[in-house]
C-alpha atoms as a PDB file:
ATOM      1  CA  MET A   1      18.232   2.418  13.945  1.00  0.00           C
ATOM      2  CA  ALA A   2      15.168   0.079  13.281  1.00  0.00           C
ATOM      3  CA  GLY A   3      15.619  -3.424  14.006  1.00  0.00           C
ATOM      4  CA  PRO A   4      14.736  -6.003  11.180  1.00  0.00           C
ATOM      5  CA  SER A   5      11.335  -6.802  12.290  1.00  0.00           C
ATOM      6  CA  ASP A   6      10.377  -3.150  12.601  1.00  0.00           C
ATOM      7  CA  LEU A   7       9.850  -2.726   9.075  1.00  0.00           C
ATOM      8  CA  ASP A   8       7.049  -4.585   7.653  1.00  0.00           C
ATOM      9  CA  VAL A   9       7.331  -5.134   3.832  1.00  0.00           C
ATOM     10  CA  ALA A  10       3.706  -5.990   3.370  1.00  0.00           C
ATOM     11  CA  TYR A  11       2.561  -2.721   5.153  1.00  0.00           C
ATOM     12  CA  VAL A  12       4.905  -0.687   2.970  1.00  0.00           C
ATOM     13  CA  ALA A  13       3.785  -2.469  -0.208  1.00  0.00           C
ATOM     14  CA  ARG A  14       0.026  -1.540   0.596  1.00  0.00           C
ATOM     15  CA  LEU A  15       1.229   2.175   1.201  1.00  0.00           C
ATOM     16  CA  ALA A  16       2.771   2.139  -2.186  1.00  0.00           C
ATOM     17  CA  ARG A  17      -0.074   0.314  -3.620  1.00  0.00           C
ATOM     18  CA  ILE A  18       2.082  -2.601  -4.648  1.00  0.00           C
ATOM     19  CA  ASN A  19       0.404  -6.071  -4.751  1.00  0.00           C
ATOM     20  CA  LEU A  20       2.551  -8.581  -3.370  1.00  0.00           C
ATOM     21  CA  THR A  21       1.771 -12.179  -2.911  1.00  0.00           C
ATOM     22  CA  ASN A  22       2.483 -13.578   0.782  1.00  0.00           C
ATOM     23  CA  ASP A  23       5.528 -15.505  -0.807  1.00  0.00           C
ATOM     24  CA  GLU A  24       6.838 -12.356  -2.336  1.00  0.00           C
ATOM     25  CA  ALA A  25       6.470 -10.220   0.745  1.00  0.00           C
ATOM     26  CA  LYS A  26       8.385 -13.124   2.802  1.00  0.00           C
ATOM     27  CA  ILE A  27      11.369 -12.938   0.330  1.00  0.00           C
ATOM     28  CA  PHE A  28      11.454  -9.169   0.333  1.00  0.00           C
ATOM     29  CA  GLN A  29      11.110  -9.169   4.214  1.00  0.00           C
ATOM     30  CA  LYS A  30      14.219 -11.487   4.403  1.00  0.00           C
ATOM     31  CA  GLN A  31      16.136  -9.388   1.940  1.00  0.00           C
ATOM     32  CA  LEU A  32      15.428  -6.173   3.750  1.00  0.00           C
ATOM     33  CA  ASP A  33      16.230  -7.750   7.033  1.00  0.00           C
ATOM     34  CA  ASN A  34      19.678  -9.031   5.413  1.00  0.00           C
ATOM     35  CA  VAL A  35      20.301  -5.231   4.150  1.00  0.00           C
ATOM     36  CA  LEU A  36      19.396  -3.797   7.679  1.00  0.00           C
ATOM     37  CA  ASN A  37      21.797  -6.140   9.394  1.00  0.00           C
ATOM     38  CA  TYR A  38      24.657  -5.316   6.963  1.00  0.00           C
ATOM     39  CA  VAL A  39      24.121  -1.505   7.639  1.00  0.00           C
ATOM     40  CA  GLU A  40      24.173  -2.237  11.300  1.00  0.00           C
ATOM     41  CA  LYS A  41      27.551  -4.062  10.801  1.00  0.00           C
ATOM     42  CA  LEU A  42      28.658  -0.967   8.856  1.00  0.00           C
ATOM     43  CA  ARG A  43      27.580   1.335  11.675  1.00  0.00           C
ATOM     44  CA  GLN A  44      29.903  -0.491  13.915  1.00  0.00           C
ATOM     45  CA  VAL A  45      33.051   0.263  11.943  1.00  0.00           C
ATOM     46  CA  ASP A  46      35.500   2.670  13.749  1.00  0.00           C
ATOM     47  CA  VAL A  47      35.903   5.630  11.168  1.00  0.00           C
ATOM     48  CA  THR A  48      37.826   7.920  13.663  1.00  0.00           C
ATOM     49  CA  GLY A  49      40.475   9.746  11.903  1.00  0.00           C
ATOM     50  CA  VAL A  50      38.950   9.263   8.384  1.00  0.00           C
ATOM     51  CA  ASP A  51      38.043  12.424   6.761  1.00  0.00           C
ATOM     52  CA  ALA A  52      34.352  12.320   5.551  1.00  0.00           C
ATOM     53  CA  THR A  53      35.229  13.955   2.114  1.00  0.00           C
ATOM     54  CA  VAL A  54      38.632  11.987   1.419  1.00  0.00           C
ATOM     55  CA  ASN A  55      37.506  10.989  -2.052  1.00  0.00           C
ATOM     56  CA  ALA A  56      35.685  14.114  -3.176  1.00  0.00           C
ATOM     57  CA  PRO A  57      37.223  15.839  -6.398  1.00  0.00           C
ATOM     58  CA  LEU A  58      39.149  18.954  -5.461  1.00  0.00           C
ATOM     59  CA  PHE A  59      38.207  20.489  -8.667  1.00  0.00           C
ATOM     60  CA  ASN A  60      34.947  21.755 -10.477  1.00  0.00           C
ATOM     61  CA  VAL A  61      33.839  18.717 -12.404  1.00  0.00           C
ATOM     62  CA  PHE A  62      30.994  20.641 -14.299  1.00  0.00           C
ATOM     63  CA  ARG A  63      31.402  21.648 -17.847  1.00  0.00           C
ATOM     64  CA  GLU A  64      31.088  25.278 -19.038  1.00  0.00           C
ATOM     65  CA  ASP A  65      27.485  26.324 -19.540  1.00  0.00           C
ATOM     66  CA  ALA A  66      27.623  27.332 -23.301  1.00  0.00           C
ATOM     67  CA  PRO A  67      24.605  28.249 -25.326  1.00  0.00           C
ATOM     68  CA  CYS A  68      23.794  25.929 -28.214  1.00  0.00           C
ATOM     69  CA  ASP A  69      21.023  25.142 -30.813  1.00  0.00           C
ATOM     70  CA  TRP A  70      18.190  23.007 -29.659  1.00  0.00           C
ATOM     71  CA  PHE A  71      15.081  21.447 -31.130  1.00  0.00           C
ATOM     72  CA  THR A  72      12.664  23.895 -32.443  1.00  0.00           C
ATOM     73  CA  ALA A  73       9.046  23.201 -30.972  1.00  0.00           C
ATOM     74  CA  GLU A  74       7.816  21.770 -34.357  1.00  0.00           C
ATOM     75  CA  GLN A  75      10.938  19.337 -34.115  1.00  0.00           C
ATOM     76  CA  ALA A  76      10.033  18.565 -30.697  1.00  0.00           C
ATOM     77  CA  LEU A  77       6.354  17.651 -31.397  1.00  0.00           C
ATOM     78  CA  THR A  78       7.072  15.362 -34.285  1.00  0.00           C
ATOM     79  CA  ASN A  79       7.468  12.298 -31.847  1.00  0.00           C
ATOM     80  CA  ALA A  80       4.494  13.399 -29.762  1.00  0.00           C
ATOM     81  CA  PRO A  81       1.663  10.747 -29.849  1.00  0.00           C
ATOM     82  CA  ARG A  82      -0.991  13.655 -29.498  1.00  0.00           C
ATOM     83  CA  GLN A  83      -0.542  17.261 -29.958  1.00  0.00           C
ATOM     84  CA  ALA A  84      -2.805  20.441 -30.453  1.00  0.00           C
ATOM     85  CA  ASN A  85      -2.061  24.031 -31.098  1.00  0.00           C
ATOM     86  CA  GLY A  86       1.870  23.462 -30.768  1.00  0.00           C
ATOM     87  CA  LEU A  87       1.401  21.667 -27.270  1.00  0.00           C
ATOM     88  CA  PHE A  88       1.779  18.198 -26.102  1.00  0.00           C
ATOM     89  CA  ILE A  89      -1.457  16.650 -25.144  1.00  0.00           C
ATOM     90  CA  VAL A  90      -1.022  14.156 -22.105  1.00  0.00           C
ATOM     91  CA  PRO A  91      -3.380  12.204 -19.970  1.00  0.00           C
ATOM     92  CA  LYS A  92      -4.905  14.070 -16.912  1.00  0.00           C
ATOM     93  CA  VAL A  93      -3.031  12.752 -13.821  1.00  0.00           C
ATOM     94  CA  VAL A  94      -4.732  14.946 -11.071  1.00  0.00           C
ATOM     95  CA  GLU A  95      -8.512  14.571 -10.173  1.00  0.00           C
END
């Protein structure tokens, strides 16, 4: 597992295009180090003899798939800020 100093918050923030001040980066770096130290403690716990799915439900928790009435296209478009020809108009996100 990566050590606390192996993950650089400022570098990850640059990759994610998140602008952090130096003070924010220091705070987040300390918090990340604390989380990684806690995870390392959890990895040291002896779990031999513990079933991996001991808390999993033993029954299907999903509801039955039943048809029902949904919005019509006109109803769905009533809250659209922009629409044309029965379609939502959204900003272009791909260059």
